[in-house]
Amino acid sequence: LPLPEASGVAVKFSEPVQHQSGATVVSGVVVDRDRRR
């Protein structure tokens, strides 16, 4: 599996934002379009 082109992936973050140990934590996913992952 090669390194995808930048245009073939997308980043999606979701709320709510969490705060833990003095840092901000945001959950999300990276979508690999070709692999539908």
All heavy atoms as atom14 arrays in JSON, in Angstrom:
{
  "sequence": "LPLPEASGVAVKFSEPVQHQSGATVVSGVVVDRDRRR",
  "atom14_mask": [
    [1, 1, 1, 1, 1, 1, 1, 1, 0, 0, 0, 0, 0, 0],
    [1, 1, 1, 1, 1, 1, 1, 0, 0, 0, 0, 0, 0, 0],
    [1, 1, 1, 1, 1, 1, 1, 1, 0, 0, 0, 0, 0, 0],
    [1, 1, 1, 1, 1, 1, 1, 0, 0, 0, 0, 0, 0, 0],
    [1, 1, 1, 1, 1, 1, 1, 1, 1, 0, 0, 0, 0, 0],
    [1, 1, 1, 1, 1, 0, 0, 0, 0, 0, 0, 0, 0, 0],
    [1, 1, 1, 1, 1, 1, 0, 0, 0, 0, 0, 0, 0, 0],
    [1, 1, 1, 1, 0, 0, 0, 0, 0, 0, 0, 0, 0, 0],
    [1, 1, 1, 1, 1, 1, 1, 0, 0, 0, 0, 0, 0, 0],
    [1, 1, 1, 1, 1, 0, 0, 0, 0, 0, 0, 0, 0, 0],
    [1, 1, 1, 1, 1, 1, 1, 0, 0, 0, 0, 0, 0, 0],
    [1, 1, 1, 1, 1, 1, 1, 1, 1, 0, 0, 0, 0, 0],
    [1, 1, 1, 1, 1, 1, 1, 1, 1, 1, 1, 0, 0, 0],
    [1, 1, 1, 1, 1, 1, 0, 0, 0, 0, 0, 0, 0, 0],
    [1, 1, 1, 1, 1, 1, 1, 1, 1, 0, 0, 0, 0, 0],
    [1, 1, 1, 1, 1, 1, 1, 0, 0, 0, 0, 0, 0, 0],
    [1, 1, 1, 1, 1, 1, 1, 0, 0, 0, 0, 0, 0, 0],
    [1, 1, 1, 1, 1, 1, 1, 1, 1, 0, 0, 0, 0, 0],
    [1, 1, 1, 1, 1, 1, 1, 1, 1, 1, 0, 0, 0, 0],
    [1, 1, 1, 1, 1, 1, 1, 1, 1, 0, 0, 0, 0, 0],
    [1, 1, 1, 1, 1, 1, 0, 0, 0, 0, 0, 0, 0, 0],
    [1, 1, 1, 1, 0, 0, 0, 0, 0, 0, 0, 0, 0, 0],
    [1, 1, 1, 1, 1, 0, 0, 0, 0, 0, 0, 0, 0, 0],
    [1, 1, 1, 1, 1, 1, 1, 0, 0, 0, 0, 0, 0, 0],
    [1, 1, 1, 1, 1, 1, 1, 0, 0, 0, 0, 0, 0, 0],
    [1, 1, 1, 1, 1, 1, 1, 0, 0, 0, 0, 0, 0, 0],
    [1, 1, 1, 1, 1, 1, 0, 0, 0, 0, 0, 0, 0, 0],
    [1, 1, 1, 1, 0, 0, 0, 0, 0, 0, 0, 0, 0, 0],
    [1, 1, 1, 1, 1, 1, 1, 0, 0, 0, 0, 0, 0, 0],
    [1, 1, 1, 1, 1, 1, 1, 0, 0, 0, 0, 0, 0, 0],
    [1, 1, 1, 1, 1, 1, 1, 0, 0, 0, 0, 0, 0, 0],
    [1, 1, 1, 1, 1, 1, 1, 1, 0, 0, 0, 0, 0, 0],
    [1, 1, 1, 1, 1, 1, 1, 1, 1, 1, 1, 0, 0, 0],
    [1, 1, 1, 1, 1, 1, 1, 1, 0, 0, 0, 0, 0, 0],
    [1, 1, 1, 1, 1, 1, 1, 1, 1, 1, 1, 0, 0, 0],
    [1, 1, 1, 1, 1, 1, 1, 1, 1, 1, 1, 0, 0, 0],
    [1, 1, 1, 1, 1, 1, 1, 1, 1, 1, 1, 0, 0, 0]
  ],
  "atom14_positions": [
    [[0.86, -1.19, 0.0], [0.0, 0.0, 0.0], [0.89, 1.23, 0.0], [1.61, 1.49, 0.97], [-0.91, -0.01, 1.23], [-1.93, -1.15, 1.26], [-2.6, -1.22, 2.62], [-2.95, -1.01, 0.16], [0.0, 0.0, 0.0], [0.0, 0.0, 0.0], [0.0, 0.0, 0.0], [0.0, 0.0, 0.0], [0.0, 0.0, 0.0], [0.0, 0.0, 0.0]],
    [[0.88, 2.03, -1.06], [1.77, 3.19, -1.13], [1.26, 4.33, -0.26], [0.14, 4.31, 0.25], [1.72, 3.56, -2.62], [0.34, 3.13, -3.04], [0.05, 1.88, -2.26], [0.0, 0.0, 0.0], [0.0, 0.0, 0.0], [0.0, 0.0, 0.0], [0.0, 0.0, 0.0], [0.0, 0.0, 0.0], [0.0, 0.0, 0.0], [0.0, 0.0, 0.0]],
    [[2.11, 5.33, -0.1], [1.67, 6.56, 0.56], [0.63, 7.24, -0.32], [0.89, 7.54, -1.48], [2.87, 7.5, 0.76], [2.58, 8.8, 1.51], [2.33, 8.53, 2.98], [3.74, 9.78, 1.35], [0.0, 0.0, 0.0], [0.0, 0.0, 0.0], [0.0, 0.0, 0.0], [0.0, 0.0, 0.0], [0.0, 0.0, 0.0], [0.0, 0.0, 0.0]],
    [[-0.59, 7.47, 0.19], [-1.63, 8.09, -0.64], [-1.26, 9.52, -1.03], [-0.48, 10.19, -0.35], [-2.87, 8.08, 0.26], [-2.56, 7.11, 1.35], [-1.08, 7.15, 1.54], [0.0, 0.0, 0.0], [0.0, 0.0, 0.0], [0.0, 0.0, 0.0], [0.0, 0.0, 0.0], [0.0, 0.0, 0.0], [0.0, 0.0, 0.0], [0.0, 0.0, 0.0]],
    [[-1.82, 9.98, -2.13], [-1.73, 11.4, -2.46], [-2.49, 12.21, -1.4], [-3.46, 11.72, -0.81], [-2.34, 11.66, -3.84], [-1.62, 10.97, -4.99], [-0.29, 11.61, -5.3], [-0.07, 12.77, -4.85], [0.54, 10.99, -5.98], [0.0, 0.0, 0.0], [0.0, 0.0, 0.0], [0.0, 0.0, 0.0], [0.0, 0.0, 0.0], [0.0, 0.0, 0.0]],
    [[-2.04, 13.43, -1.17], [-2.71, 14.28, -0.18], [-4.19, 14.47, -0.53], [-5.05, 14.57, 0.36], [-2.01, 15.63, -0.09], [0.0, 0.0, 0.0], [0.0, 0.0, 0.0], [0.0, 0.0, 0.0], [0.0, 0.0, 0.0], [0.0, 0.0, 0.0], [0.0, 0.0, 0.0], [0.0, 0.0, 0.0], [0.0, 0.0, 0.0], [0.0, 0.0, 0.0]],
    [[-4.48, 14.49, -1.84], [-5.87, 14.67, -2.27], [-6.73, 13.44, -2.01], [-7.96, 13.5, -2.09], [-5.92, 15.0, -3.76], [-5.33, 13.96, -4.52], [0.0, 0.0, 0.0], [0.0, 0.0, 0.0], [0.0, 0.0, 0.0], [0.0, 0.0, 0.0], [0.0, 0.0, 0.0], [0.0, 0.0, 0.0], [0.0, 0.0, 0.0], [0.0, 0.0, 0.0]],
    [[-6.09, 12.31, -1.68], [-6.84, 11.08, -1.45], [-7.19, 10.83, -0.01], [-7.78, 9.8, 0.31], [0.0, 0.0, 0.0], [0.0, 0.0, 0.0], [0.0, 0.0, 0.0], [0.0, 0.0, 0.0], [0.0, 0.0, 0.0], [0.0, 0.0, 0.0], [0.0, 0.0, 0.0], [0.0, 0.0, 0.0], [0.0, 0.0, 0.0], [0.0, 0.0, 0.0]],
    [[-6.83, 11.76, 0.87], [-7.14, 11.6, 2.29], [-7.83, 12.86, 2.81], [-7.7, 13.94, 2.24], [-5.87, 11.31, 3.12], [-5.29, 9.96, 2.76], [-4.84, 12.41, 2.93], [0.0, 0.0, 0.0], [0.0, 0.0, 0.0], [0.0, 0.0, 0.0], [0.0, 0.0, 0.0], [0.0, 0.0, 0.0], [0.0, 0.0, 0.0], [0.0, 0.0, 0.0]],
    [[-8.57, 12.69, 3.87], [-9.25, 13.82, 4.5], [-9.2, 13.65, 6.01], [-9.2, 12.52, 6.52], [-10.7, 13.92, 4.03], [0.0, 0.0, 0.0], [0.0, 0.0, 0.0], [0.0, 0.0, 0.0], [0.0, 0.0, 0.0], [0.0, 0.0, 0.0], [0.0, 0.0, 0.0], [0.0, 0.0, 0.0], [0.0, 0.0, 0.0], [0.0, 0.0, 0.0]],
    [[-9.15, 14.77, 6.73], [-9.14, 14.75, 8.19], [-10.46, 15.33, 8.68], [-10.89, 16.4, 8.23], [-7.97, 15.58, 8.75], [-7.96, 15.52, 10.27], [-6.65, 15.09, 8.19], [0.0, 0.0, 0.0], [0.0, 0.0, 0.0], [0.0, 0.0, 0.0], [0.0, 0.0, 0.0], [0.0, 0.0, 0.0], [0.0, 0.0, 0.0], [0.0, 0.0, 0.0]],
    [[-11.1, 14.63, 9.6], [-12.36, 15.1, 10.18], [-12.24, 15.05, 11.7], [-11.97, 13.99, 12.27], [-13.53, 14.21, 9.72], [-13.77, 14.21, 8.22], [-15.07, 13.48, 7.86], [-15.04, 12.03, 8.27], [-16.28, 11.32, 7.84], [0.0, 0.0, 0.0], [0.0, 0.0, 0.0], [0.0, 0.0, 0.0], [0.0, 0.0, 0.0], [0.0, 0.0, 0.0]],
    [[-12.44, 16.19, 12.34], [-12.45, 16.25, 13.8], [-13.89, 16.44, 14.28], [-14.74, 16.97, 13.57], [-11.58, 17.4, 14.31], [-10.11, 17.13, 14.15], [-9.36, 17.86, 13.24], [-9.49, 16.15, 14.9], [-8.01, 17.63, 13.09], [-8.13, 15.91, 14.76], [-7.39, 16.64, 13.85], [0.0, 0.0, 0.0], [0.0, 0.0, 0.0], [0.0, 0.0, 0.0]],
    [[-14.15, 15.99, 15.49], [-15.5, 16.07, 16.03], [-15.46, 16.65, 17.43], [-14.45, 16.58, 18.13], [-16.15, 14.68, 16.06], [-15.37, 13.79, 16.86], [0.0, 0.0, 0.0], [0.0, 0.0, 0.0], [0.0, 0.0, 0.0], [0.0, 0.0, 0.0], [0.0, 0.0, 0.0], [0.0, 0.0, 0.0], [0.0, 0.0, 0.0], [0.0, 0.0, 0.0]],
    [[-16.57, 17.22, 17.85], [-16.72, 17.73, 19.2], [-17.43, 16.65, 20.02], [-18.06, 15.75, 19.46], [-17.52, 19.03, 19.19], [-16.79, 20.15, 18.45], [-17.52, 21.48, 18.53], [-18.55, 21.52, 19.23], [-17.08, 22.43, 17.88], [0.0, 0.0, 0.0], [0.0, 0.0, 0.0], [0.0, 0.0, 0.0], [0.0, 0.0, 0.0], [0.0, 0.0, 0.0]],
    [[-17.37, 16.66, 21.34], [-16.8, 17.74, 22.16], [-15.29, 17.6, 22.31], [-14.74, 16.52, 22.21], [-17.5, 17.54, 23.5], [-17.71, 16.05, 23.58], [-18.04, 15.63, 22.17], [0.0, 0.0, 0.0], [0.0, 0.0, 0.0], [0.0, 0.0, 0.0], [0.0, 0.0, 0.0], [0.0, 0.0, 0.0], [0.0, 0.0, 0.0], [0.0, 0.0, 0.0]],
    [[-14.67, 18.73, 22.56], [-13.25, 18.78, 22.87], [-13.05, 18.32, 24.31], [-13.85, 18.65, 25.19], [-12.72, 20.21, 22.67], [-11.28, 20.32, 23.17], [-12.81, 20.61, 21.22], [0.0, 0.0, 0.0], [0.0, 0.0, 0.0], [0.0, 0.0, 0.0], [0.0, 0.0, 0.0], [0.0, 0.0, 0.0], [0.0, 0.0, 0.0], [0.0, 0.0, 0.0]],
    [[-12.03, 17.54, 24.57], [-11.72, 17.09, 25.92], [-10.5, 17.83, 26.43], [-9.66, 18.28, 25.66], [-11.44, 15.59, 25.93], [-12.59, 14.73, 25.45], [-12.24, 13.26, 25.5], [-11.76, 12.77, 26.53], [-12.46, 12.56, 24.4], [0.0, 0.0, 0.0], [0.0, 0.0, 0.0], [0.0, 0.0, 0.0], [0.0, 0.0, 0.0], [0.0, 0.0, 0.0]],
    [[-10.42, 17.93, 27.75], [-9.26, 18.53, 28.38], [-8.7, 17.51, 29.36], [-9.42, 17.02, 30.23], [-9.64, 19.82, 29.11], [-10.29, 20.82, 28.2], [-9.61, 21.49, 27.22], [-11.59, 21.23, 28.1], [-10.43, 22.29, 26.57], [-11.65, 22.14, 27.08], [0.0, 0.0, 0.0], [0.0, 0.0, 0.0], [0.0, 0.0, 0.0], [0.0, 0.0, 0.0]],
    [[-7.44, 17.17, 29.17], [-6.84, 16.14, 30.01], [-5.39, 16.49, 30.28], [-4.64, 16.86, 29.37], [-6.91, 14.77, 29.31], [-6.35, 13.64, 30.16], [-6.6, 12.28, 29.53], [-7.46, 12.15, 28.67], [-5.86, 11.28, 29.97], [0.0, 0.0, 0.0], [0.0, 0.0, 0.0], [0.0, 0.0, 0.0], [0.0, 0.0, 0.0], [0.0, 0.0, 0.0]],
    [[-5.01, 16.4, 31.55], [-3.61, 16.62, 31.96], [-3.07, 17.94, 31.44], [-1.92, 18.04, 31.03], [-2.74, 15.45, 31.48], [-3.22, 14.24, 31.99], [0.0, 0.0, 0.0], [0.0, 0.0, 0.0], [0.0, 0.0, 0.0], [0.0, 0.0, 0.0], [0.0, 0.0, 0.0], [0.0, 0.0, 0.0], [0.0, 0.0, 0.0], [0.0, 0.0, 0.0]],
    [[-3.9, 18.95, 31.4], [-3.45, 20.26, 30.99], [-3.32, 20.44, 29.5], [-2.73, 21.41, 29.03], [0.0, 0.0, 0.0], [0.0, 0.0, 0.0], [0.0, 0.0, 0.0], [0.0, 0.0, 0.0], [0.0, 0.0, 0.0], [0.0, 0.0, 0.0], [0.0, 0.0, 0.0], [0.0, 0.0, 0.0], [0.0, 0.0, 0.0], [0.0, 0.0, 0.0]],
    [[-3.86, 19.52, 28.71], [-3.8, 19.63, 27.25], [-5.21, 19.53, 26.69], [-6.15, 19.11, 27.36], [-2.93, 18.53, 26.67], [0.0, 0.0, 0.0], [0.0, 0.0, 0.0], [0.0, 0.0, 0.0], [0.0, 0.0, 0.0], [0.0, 0.0, 0.0], [0.0, 0.0, 0.0], [0.0, 0.0, 0.0], [0.0, 0.0, 0.0], [0.0, 0.0, 0.0]],
    [[-5.34, 19.94, 25.44], [-6.61, 19.82, 24.74], [-6.55, 18.6, 23.83], [-5.57, 18.4, 23.11], [-6.88, 21.07, 23.89], [-6.94, 22.2, 24.77], [-8.18, 20.93, 23.12], [0.0, 0.0, 0.0], [0.0, 0.0, 0.0], [0.0, 0.0, 0.0], [0.0, 0.0, 0.0], [0.0, 0.0, 0.0], [0.0, 0.0, 0.0], [0.0, 0.0, 0.0]],
    [[-7.6, 17.79, 23.89], [-7.64, 16.57, 23.1], [-8.87, 16.61, 22.2], [-9.99, 16.8, 22.68], [-7.7, 15.31, 23.99], [-7.6, 14.05, 23.14], [-6.59, 15.34, 25.04], [0.0, 0.0, 0.0], [0.0, 0.0, 0.0], [0.0, 0.0, 0.0], [0.0, 0.0, 0.0], [0.0, 0.0, 0.0], [0.0, 0.0, 0.0], [0.0, 0.0, 0.0]],
    [[-8.65, 16.44, 20.89], [-9.74, 16.45, 19.92], [-9.75, 15.11, 19.2], [-8.74, 14.69, 18.63], [-9.57, 17.58, 18.89], [-10.83, 17.71, 18.05], [-9.23, 18.89, 19.58], [0.0, 0.0, 0.0], [0.0, 0.0, 0.0], [0.0, 0.0, 0.0], [0.0, 0.0, 0.0], [0.0, 0.0, 0.0], [0.0, 0.0, 0.0], [0.0, 0.0, 0.0]],
    [[-10.88, 14.43, 19.22], [-10.99, 13.16, 18.51], [-11.36, 13.39, 17.05], [-12.03, 14.36, 16.71], [-12.06, 12.27, 19.16], [-11.67, 11.93, 20.48], [0.0, 0.0, 0.0], [0.0, 0.0, 0.0], [0.0, 0.0, 0.0], [0.0, 0.0, 0.0], [0.0, 0.0, 0.0], [0.0, 0.0, 0.0], [0.0, 0.0, 0.0], [0.0, 0.0, 0.0]],
    [[-10.93, 12.48, 16.21], [-11.24, 12.6, 14.79], [-10.88, 11.33, 14.04], [-10.57, 10.29, 14.63], [0.0, 0.0, 0.0], [0.0, 0.0, 0.0], [0.0, 0.0, 0.0], [0.0, 0.0, 0.0], [0.0, 0.0, 0.0], [0.0, 0.0, 0.0], [0.0, 0.0, 0.0], [0.0, 0.0, 0.0], [0.0, 0.0, 0.0], [0.0, 0.0, 0.0]],
    [[-10.93, 11.42, 12.73], [-10.54, 10.31, 11.87], [-9.8, 10.86, 10.67], [-10.01, 12.0, 10.25], [-11.75, 9.47, 11.38], [-12.44, 8.78, 12.53], [-12.72, 10.34, 10.59], [0.0, 0.0, 0.0], [0.0, 0.0, 0.0], [0.0, 0.0, 0.0], [0.0, 0.0, 0.0], [0.0, 0.0, 0.0], [0.0, 0.0, 0.0], [0.0, 0.0, 0.0]],
    [[-8.93, 10.03, 10.11], [-8.37, 10.28, 8.79], [-9.08, 9.33, 7.83], [-9.15, 8.12, 8.08], [-6.85, 10.04, 8.75], [-6.35, 10.02, 7.31], [-6.14, 11.13, 9.54], [0.0, 0.0, 0.0], [0.0, 0.0, 0.0], [0.0, 0.0, 0.0], [0.0, 0.0, 0.0], [0.0, 0.0, 0.0], [0.0, 0.0, 0.0], [0.0, 0.0, 0.0]],
    [[-9.65, 9.87, 6.77], [-10.37, 9.07, 5.79], [-9.45, 8.8, 4.6], [-8.96, 9.73, 3.97], [-11.65, 9.79, 5.31], [-12.38, 8.93, 4.27], [-12.56, 10.08, 6.49], [0.0, 0.0, 0.0], [0.0, 0.0, 0.0], [0.0, 0.0, 0.0], [0.0, 0.0, 0.0], [0.0, 0.0, 0.0], [0.0, 0.0, 0.0], [0.0, 0.0, 0.0]],
    [[-9.2, 7.54, 4.36], [-8.44, 7.11, 3.17], [-9.47, 6.75, 2.11], [-10.11, 5.7, 2.17], [-7.57, 5.91, 3.53], [-6.66, 5.48, 2.38], [-7.02, 5.74, 1.22], [-5.61, 4.86, 2.66], [0.0, 0.0, 0.0], [0.0, 0.0, 0.0], [0.0, 0.0, 0.0], [0.0, 0.0, 0.0], [0.0, 0.0, 0.0], [0.0, 0.0, 0.0]],
    [[-9.66, 7.62, 1.13], [-10.77, 7.46, 0.19], [-10.62, 6.2, -0.66], [-11.58, 5.47, -0.88], [-10.87, 8.7, -0.71], [-11.23, 9.98, 0.04], [-11.53, 11.11, -0.92], [-11.9, 12.32, -0.21], [-11.08, 13.32, 0.04], [-9.82, 13.26, -0.37], [-11.5, 14.39, 0.7], [0.0, 0.0, 0.0], [0.0, 0.0, 0.0], [0.0, 0.0, 0.0]],
    [[-9.41, 5.95, -1.17], [-9.23, 4.8, -2.05], [-9.51, 3.49, -1.32], [-10.08, 2.56, -1.89], [-7.8, 4.78, -2.61], [-7.58, 5.85, -3.66], [-8.58, 6.38, -4.19], [-6.41, 6.16, -3.95], [0.0, 0.0, 0.0], [0.0, 0.0, 0.0], [0.0, 0.0, 0.0], [0.0, 0.0, 0.0], [0.0, 0.0, 0.0], [0.0, 0.0, 0.0]],
    [[-9.11, 3.41, -0.07], [-9.29, 2.17, 0.7], [-10.61, 2.16, 1.47], [-10.94, 1.15, 2.1], [-8.12, 1.99, 1.67], [-6.78, 1.81, 0.97], [-5.62, 1.96, 1.96], [-5.69, 0.92, 2.98], [-5.44, 1.12, 4.28], [-5.14, 2.34, 4.71], [-5.49, 0.14, 5.13], [0.0, 0.0, 0.0], [0.0, 0.0, 0.0], [0.0, 0.0, 0.0]],
    [[-11.33, 3.28, 1.47], [-12.58, 3.4, 2.21], [-12.38, 3.05, 3.68], [-13.14, 2.3, 4.29], [-13.67, 2.52, 1.58], [-14.01, 2.93, 0.16], [-15.14, 2.11, -0.4], [-15.46, 2.52, -1.76], [-16.41, 1.96, -2.5], [-17.14, 0.98, -2.01], [-16.64, 2.38, -3.73], [0.0, 0.0, 0.0], [0.0, 0.0, 0.0], [0.0, 0.0, 0.0]],
    [[-11.29, 3.62, 4.22], [-10.92, 3.34, 5.61], [-10.99, 4.62, 6.42], [-10.65, 5.7, 5.94], [-9.49, 2.81, 5.68], [-9.3, 1.43, 5.11], [-9.66, 0.37, 6.12], [-8.63, 0.2, 7.14], [-8.82, -0.44, 8.28], [-10.01, -0.92, 8.58], [-7.84, -0.58, 9.14], [0.0, 0.0, 0.0], [0.0, 0.0, 0.0], [0.0, 0.0, 0.0]]
  ]
}
